[in-house]
Amino acid sequence: MDLNLLKIILQIVLGITGVLVILLVLLHRGKGGGLSDMFGGGVSSSASASGVAERNLDRLTVTLGIVFGAAAVGLGVIERFM
């Protein structure tokens, strides 16, 4: 596989996972008195997501974060040796 093609693929993966990680982090329930309470996150206490849904959201966020990090490292390695 050509390194330029691999570089383009990694850039696309980096962009998509970056946007998805941002969206998933914004979906998380606020746990403290930060910005989430300021924008209405503290209003719904028991009506929000269940424990299982929150755990699955955590797993998906961590997995996409790892993919994002791997794509960033891969791009760095390609740039270093190209």
N, C-alpha and C. Protein backbone atom coordinates (compact mmCIF):
# COMPACT_ATOMS: atom_id res chain seq x y z
N MET A 1 0.85 -1.18 0.00
CA MET A 1 0.00 0.00 0.00
C MET A 1 0.89 1.24 0.00
N ASP A 2 0.51 2.19 -0.78
CA ASP A 2 1.25 3.44 -0.89
C ASP A 2 1.11 4.23 0.41
N LEU A 3 2.19 4.87 0.84
CA LEU A 3 2.15 5.64 2.09
C LEU A 3 1.24 6.85 2.00
N ASN A 4 1.12 7.44 0.81
CA ASN A 4 0.21 8.58 0.66
C ASN A 4 -1.25 8.15 0.86
N LEU A 5 -1.62 6.98 0.35
CA LEU A 5 -2.97 6.46 0.54
C LEU A 5 -3.23 6.16 2.02
N LEU A 6 -2.24 5.56 2.68
CA LEU A 6 -2.37 5.27 4.10
C LEU A 6 -2.50 6.56 4.91
N LYS A 7 -1.77 7.57 4.52
CA LYS A 7 -1.83 8.87 5.20
C LYS A 7 -3.22 9.49 5.05
N ILE A 8 -3.78 9.41 3.86
CA ILE A 8 -5.13 9.95 3.63
C ILE A 8 -6.17 9.19 4.44
N ILE A 9 -6.05 7.87 4.47
CA ILE A 9 -6.99 7.05 5.25
C ILE A 9 -6.90 7.40 6.72
N LEU A 10 -5.69 7.54 7.25
CA LEU A 10 -5.52 7.88 8.66
C LEU A 10 -6.05 9.29 8.97
N GLN A 11 -5.90 10.21 8.04
CA GLN A 11 -6.44 11.56 8.24
C GLN A 11 -7.97 11.53 8.29
N ILE A 12 -8.58 10.73 7.44
CA ILE A 12 -10.04 10.61 7.45
C ILE A 12 -10.51 9.96 8.75
N VAL A 13 -9.83 8.90 9.18
CA VAL A 13 -10.17 8.23 10.44
C VAL A 13 -10.01 9.20 11.60
N LEU A 14 -8.95 9.98 11.59
CA LEU A 14 -8.70 10.95 12.66
C LEU A 14 -9.81 12.00 12.71
N GLY A 15 -10.22 12.49 11.56
CA GLY A 15 -11.28 13.50 11.53
C GLY A 15 -12.62 12.96 12.00
N ILE A 16 -12.99 11.78 11.53
CA ILE A 16 -14.28 11.20 11.90
C ILE A 16 -14.31 10.84 13.38
N THR A 17 -13.24 10.19 13.86
CA THR A 17 -13.24 9.81 15.28
C THR A 17 -13.15 11.04 16.18
N GLY A 18 -12.48 12.08 15.73
CA GLY A 18 -12.42 13.31 16.53
C GLY A 18 -13.80 13.91 16.75
N VAL A 19 -14.57 14.00 15.68
CA VAL A 19 -15.94 14.54 15.80
C VAL A 19 -16.81 13.63 16.66
N LEU A 20 -16.69 12.31 16.47
CA LEU A 20 -17.50 11.38 17.25
C LEU A 20 -17.15 11.41 18.73
N VAL A 21 -15.86 11.53 19.05
CA VAL A 21 -15.47 11.61 20.46
C VAL A 21 -16.03 12.87 21.10
N ILE A 22 -16.00 13.97 20.39
CA ILE A 22 -16.57 15.21 20.92
C ILE A 22 -18.06 15.04 21.19
N LEU A 23 -18.78 14.46 20.24
CA LEU A 23 -20.22 14.26 20.41
C LEU A 23 -20.53 13.31 21.56
N LEU A 24 -19.75 12.24 21.69
CA LEU A 24 -19.99 11.28 22.76
C LEU A 24 -19.69 11.88 24.13
N VAL A 25 -18.66 12.68 24.23
CA VAL A 25 -18.34 13.33 25.51
C VAL A 25 -19.47 14.28 25.89
N LEU A 26 -20.03 14.97 24.91
CA LEU A 26 -21.13 15.88 25.20
C LEU A 26 -22.40 15.14 25.61
N LEU A 27 -22.54 13.88 25.23
CA LEU A 27 -23.71 13.09 25.62
C LEU A 27 -23.65 12.60 27.06
N HIS A 28 -22.47 12.58 27.64
CA HIS A 28 -22.32 12.07 29.01
C HIS A 28 -23.09 12.93 30.00
N ARG A 29 -23.55 12.26 31.03
CA ARG A 29 -24.26 12.94 32.10
C ARG A 29 -23.26 13.69 32.96
N GLY A 30 -23.62 14.89 33.36
CA GLY A 30 -22.75 15.67 34.23
C GLY A 30 -22.70 15.10 35.63
N LYS A 31 -21.52 14.99 36.21
CA LYS A 31 -21.39 14.41 37.54
C LYS A 31 -21.09 15.46 38.61
N GLY A 32 -20.71 16.66 38.18
CA GLY A 32 -20.36 17.69 39.15
C GLY A 32 -21.11 18.97 38.88
N GLY A 33 -20.64 20.04 39.46
CA GLY A 33 -21.29 21.32 39.28
C GLY A 33 -20.59 22.18 38.25
N GLY A 34 -20.27 21.63 37.14
CA GLY A 34 -19.55 22.37 36.11
C GLY A 34 -20.48 22.97 35.08
N LEU A 35 -20.03 22.98 33.86
CA LEU A 35 -20.80 23.57 32.77
C LEU A 35 -22.07 22.79 32.47
N SER A 36 -22.09 21.49 32.78
CA SER A 36 -23.29 20.71 32.50
C SER A 36 -24.47 21.19 33.35
N ASP A 37 -24.22 21.62 34.57
CA ASP A 37 -25.30 22.16 35.40
C ASP A 37 -25.73 23.53 34.90
N MET A 38 -24.81 24.29 34.38
CA MET A 38 -25.13 25.62 33.90
C MET A 38 -26.08 25.57 32.71
N PHE A 39 -25.95 24.53 31.88
CA PHE A 39 -26.79 24.41 30.71
C PHE A 39 -27.96 23.46 30.91
N GLY A 40 -28.34 23.20 32.14
CA GLY A 40 -29.52 22.39 32.41
C GLY A 40 -29.25 20.93 32.66
N GLY A 41 -28.02 20.53 32.80
CA GLY A 41 -27.72 19.12 33.06
C GLY A 41 -28.12 18.68 34.44
N GLY A 42 -28.19 19.58 35.40
CA GLY A 42 -28.54 19.22 36.76
C GLY A 42 -30.03 19.15 37.01
N VAL A 43 -30.85 19.53 36.03
CA VAL A 43 -32.30 19.56 36.21
C VAL A 43 -32.87 18.16 36.24
N SER A 44 -32.45 17.30 35.31
CA SER A 44 -32.98 15.95 35.24
C SER A 44 -32.08 15.02 36.03
N SER A 45 -32.52 14.61 37.19
CA SER A 45 -31.67 13.77 38.03
C SER A 45 -31.94 12.29 37.79
N SER A 46 -33.19 11.86 37.85
CA SER A 46 -33.47 10.43 37.70
C SER A 46 -34.02 10.09 36.32
N ALA A 47 -34.37 11.07 35.53
CA ALA A 47 -34.98 10.81 34.23
C ALA A 47 -33.95 10.62 33.13
N SER A 48 -32.67 10.66 33.45
CA SER A 48 -31.65 10.53 32.41
C SER A 48 -31.33 9.06 32.15
N ALA A 49 -30.24 8.82 31.46
CA ALA A 49 -29.88 7.48 31.00
C ALA A 49 -29.69 6.50 32.15
N SER A 50 -29.98 5.24 31.87
CA SER A 50 -29.81 4.21 32.89
C SER A 50 -28.33 3.87 33.04
N GLY A 51 -28.04 3.04 34.03
CA GLY A 51 -26.65 2.66 34.29
C GLY A 51 -26.03 1.89 33.16
N VAL A 52 -26.79 1.00 32.53
CA VAL A 52 -26.26 0.18 31.44
C VAL A 52 -25.95 1.06 30.22
N ALA A 53 -26.85 1.97 29.92
CA ALA A 53 -26.63 2.86 28.77
C ALA A 53 -25.41 3.76 29.02
N GLU A 54 -25.27 4.23 30.24
CA GLU A 54 -24.12 5.08 30.57
C GLU A 54 -22.81 4.29 30.48
N ARG A 55 -22.84 3.04 30.92
CA ARG A 55 -21.64 2.19 30.82
C ARG A 55 -21.27 1.92 29.36
N ASN A 56 -22.27 1.65 28.53
CA ASN A 56 -22.00 1.42 27.11
C ASN A 56 -21.48 2.68 26.44
N LEU A 57 -22.01 3.83 26.83
CA LEU A 57 -21.52 5.10 26.31
C LEU A 57 -20.06 5.32 26.72
N ASP A 58 -19.74 4.96 27.96
CA ASP A 58 -18.35 5.05 28.42
C ASP A 58 -17.42 4.17 27.59
N ARG A 59 -17.85 2.94 27.35
CA ARG A 59 -17.01 2.01 26.58
C ARG A 59 -16.81 2.50 25.15
N LEU A 60 -17.87 2.99 24.54
CA LEU A 60 -17.77 3.48 23.17
C LEU A 60 -16.86 4.71 23.10
N THR A 61 -16.97 5.59 24.08
CA THR A 61 -16.13 6.79 24.11
C THR A 61 -14.65 6.42 24.27
N VAL A 62 -14.37 5.50 25.17
CA VAL A 62 -12.98 5.08 25.39
C VAL A 62 -12.43 4.38 24.14
N THR A 63 -13.24 3.52 23.52
CA THR A 63 -12.79 2.82 22.32
C THR A 63 -12.47 3.81 21.19
N LEU A 64 -13.36 4.77 20.98
CA LEU A 64 -13.10 5.75 19.93
C LEU A 64 -11.92 6.65 20.29
N GLY A 65 -11.72 6.91 21.56
CA GLY A 65 -10.55 7.68 21.98
C GLY A 65 -9.25 6.94 21.68
N ILE A 66 -9.27 5.63 21.89
CA ILE A 66 -8.08 4.82 21.59
C ILE A 66 -7.82 4.79 20.08
N VAL A 67 -8.89 4.66 19.28
CA VAL A 67 -8.73 4.68 17.82
C VAL A 67 -8.20 6.04 17.37
N PHE A 68 -8.71 7.11 17.97
CA PHE A 68 -8.23 8.46 17.65
C PHE A 68 -6.74 8.59 17.97
N GLY A 69 -6.34 8.11 19.14
CA GLY A 69 -4.93 8.18 19.53
C GLY A 69 -4.04 7.36 18.62
N ALA A 70 -4.51 6.16 18.24
CA ALA A 70 -3.71 5.31 17.35
C ALA A 70 -3.56 5.95 15.98
N ALA A 71 -4.62 6.59 15.49
CA ALA A 71 -4.53 7.27 14.19
C ALA A 71 -3.58 8.45 14.26
N ALA A 72 -3.60 9.16 15.37
CA ALA A 72 -2.68 10.30 15.53
C ALA A 72 -1.23 9.83 15.58
N VAL A 73 -0.98 8.75 16.32
CA VAL A 73 0.38 8.21 16.40
C VAL A 73 0.82 7.68 15.03
N GLY A 74 -0.08 7.00 14.34
CA GLY A 74 0.23 6.48 13.01
C GLY A 74 0.58 7.59 12.03
N LEU A 75 -0.19 8.68 12.08
CA LEU A 75 0.14 9.83 11.22
C LEU A 75 1.48 10.44 11.59
N GLY A 76 1.78 10.50 12.87
CA GLY A 76 3.07 11.04 13.30
C GLY A 76 4.23 10.20 12.82
N VAL A 77 4.06 8.88 12.88
CA VAL A 77 5.12 7.97 12.42
C VAL A 77 5.31 8.10 10.91
N ILE A 78 4.21 8.19 10.18
CA ILE A 78 4.32 8.34 8.72
C ILE A 78 5.01 9.65 8.37
N GLU A 79 4.63 10.72 9.04
CA GLU A 79 5.24 12.03 8.77
C GLU A 79 6.74 12.03 9.11
N ARG A 80 7.09 11.31 10.15
CA ARG A 80 8.49 11.28 10.58
C ARG A 80 9.37 10.57 9.55
N PHE A 81 8.88 9.50 8.96
CA PHE A 81 9.70 8.70 8.08
C PHE A 81 9.42 8.94 6.61
N MET A 82 8.59 9.90 6.27
CA MET A 82 8.31 10.18 4.86
C MET A 82 9.20 11.26 4.33
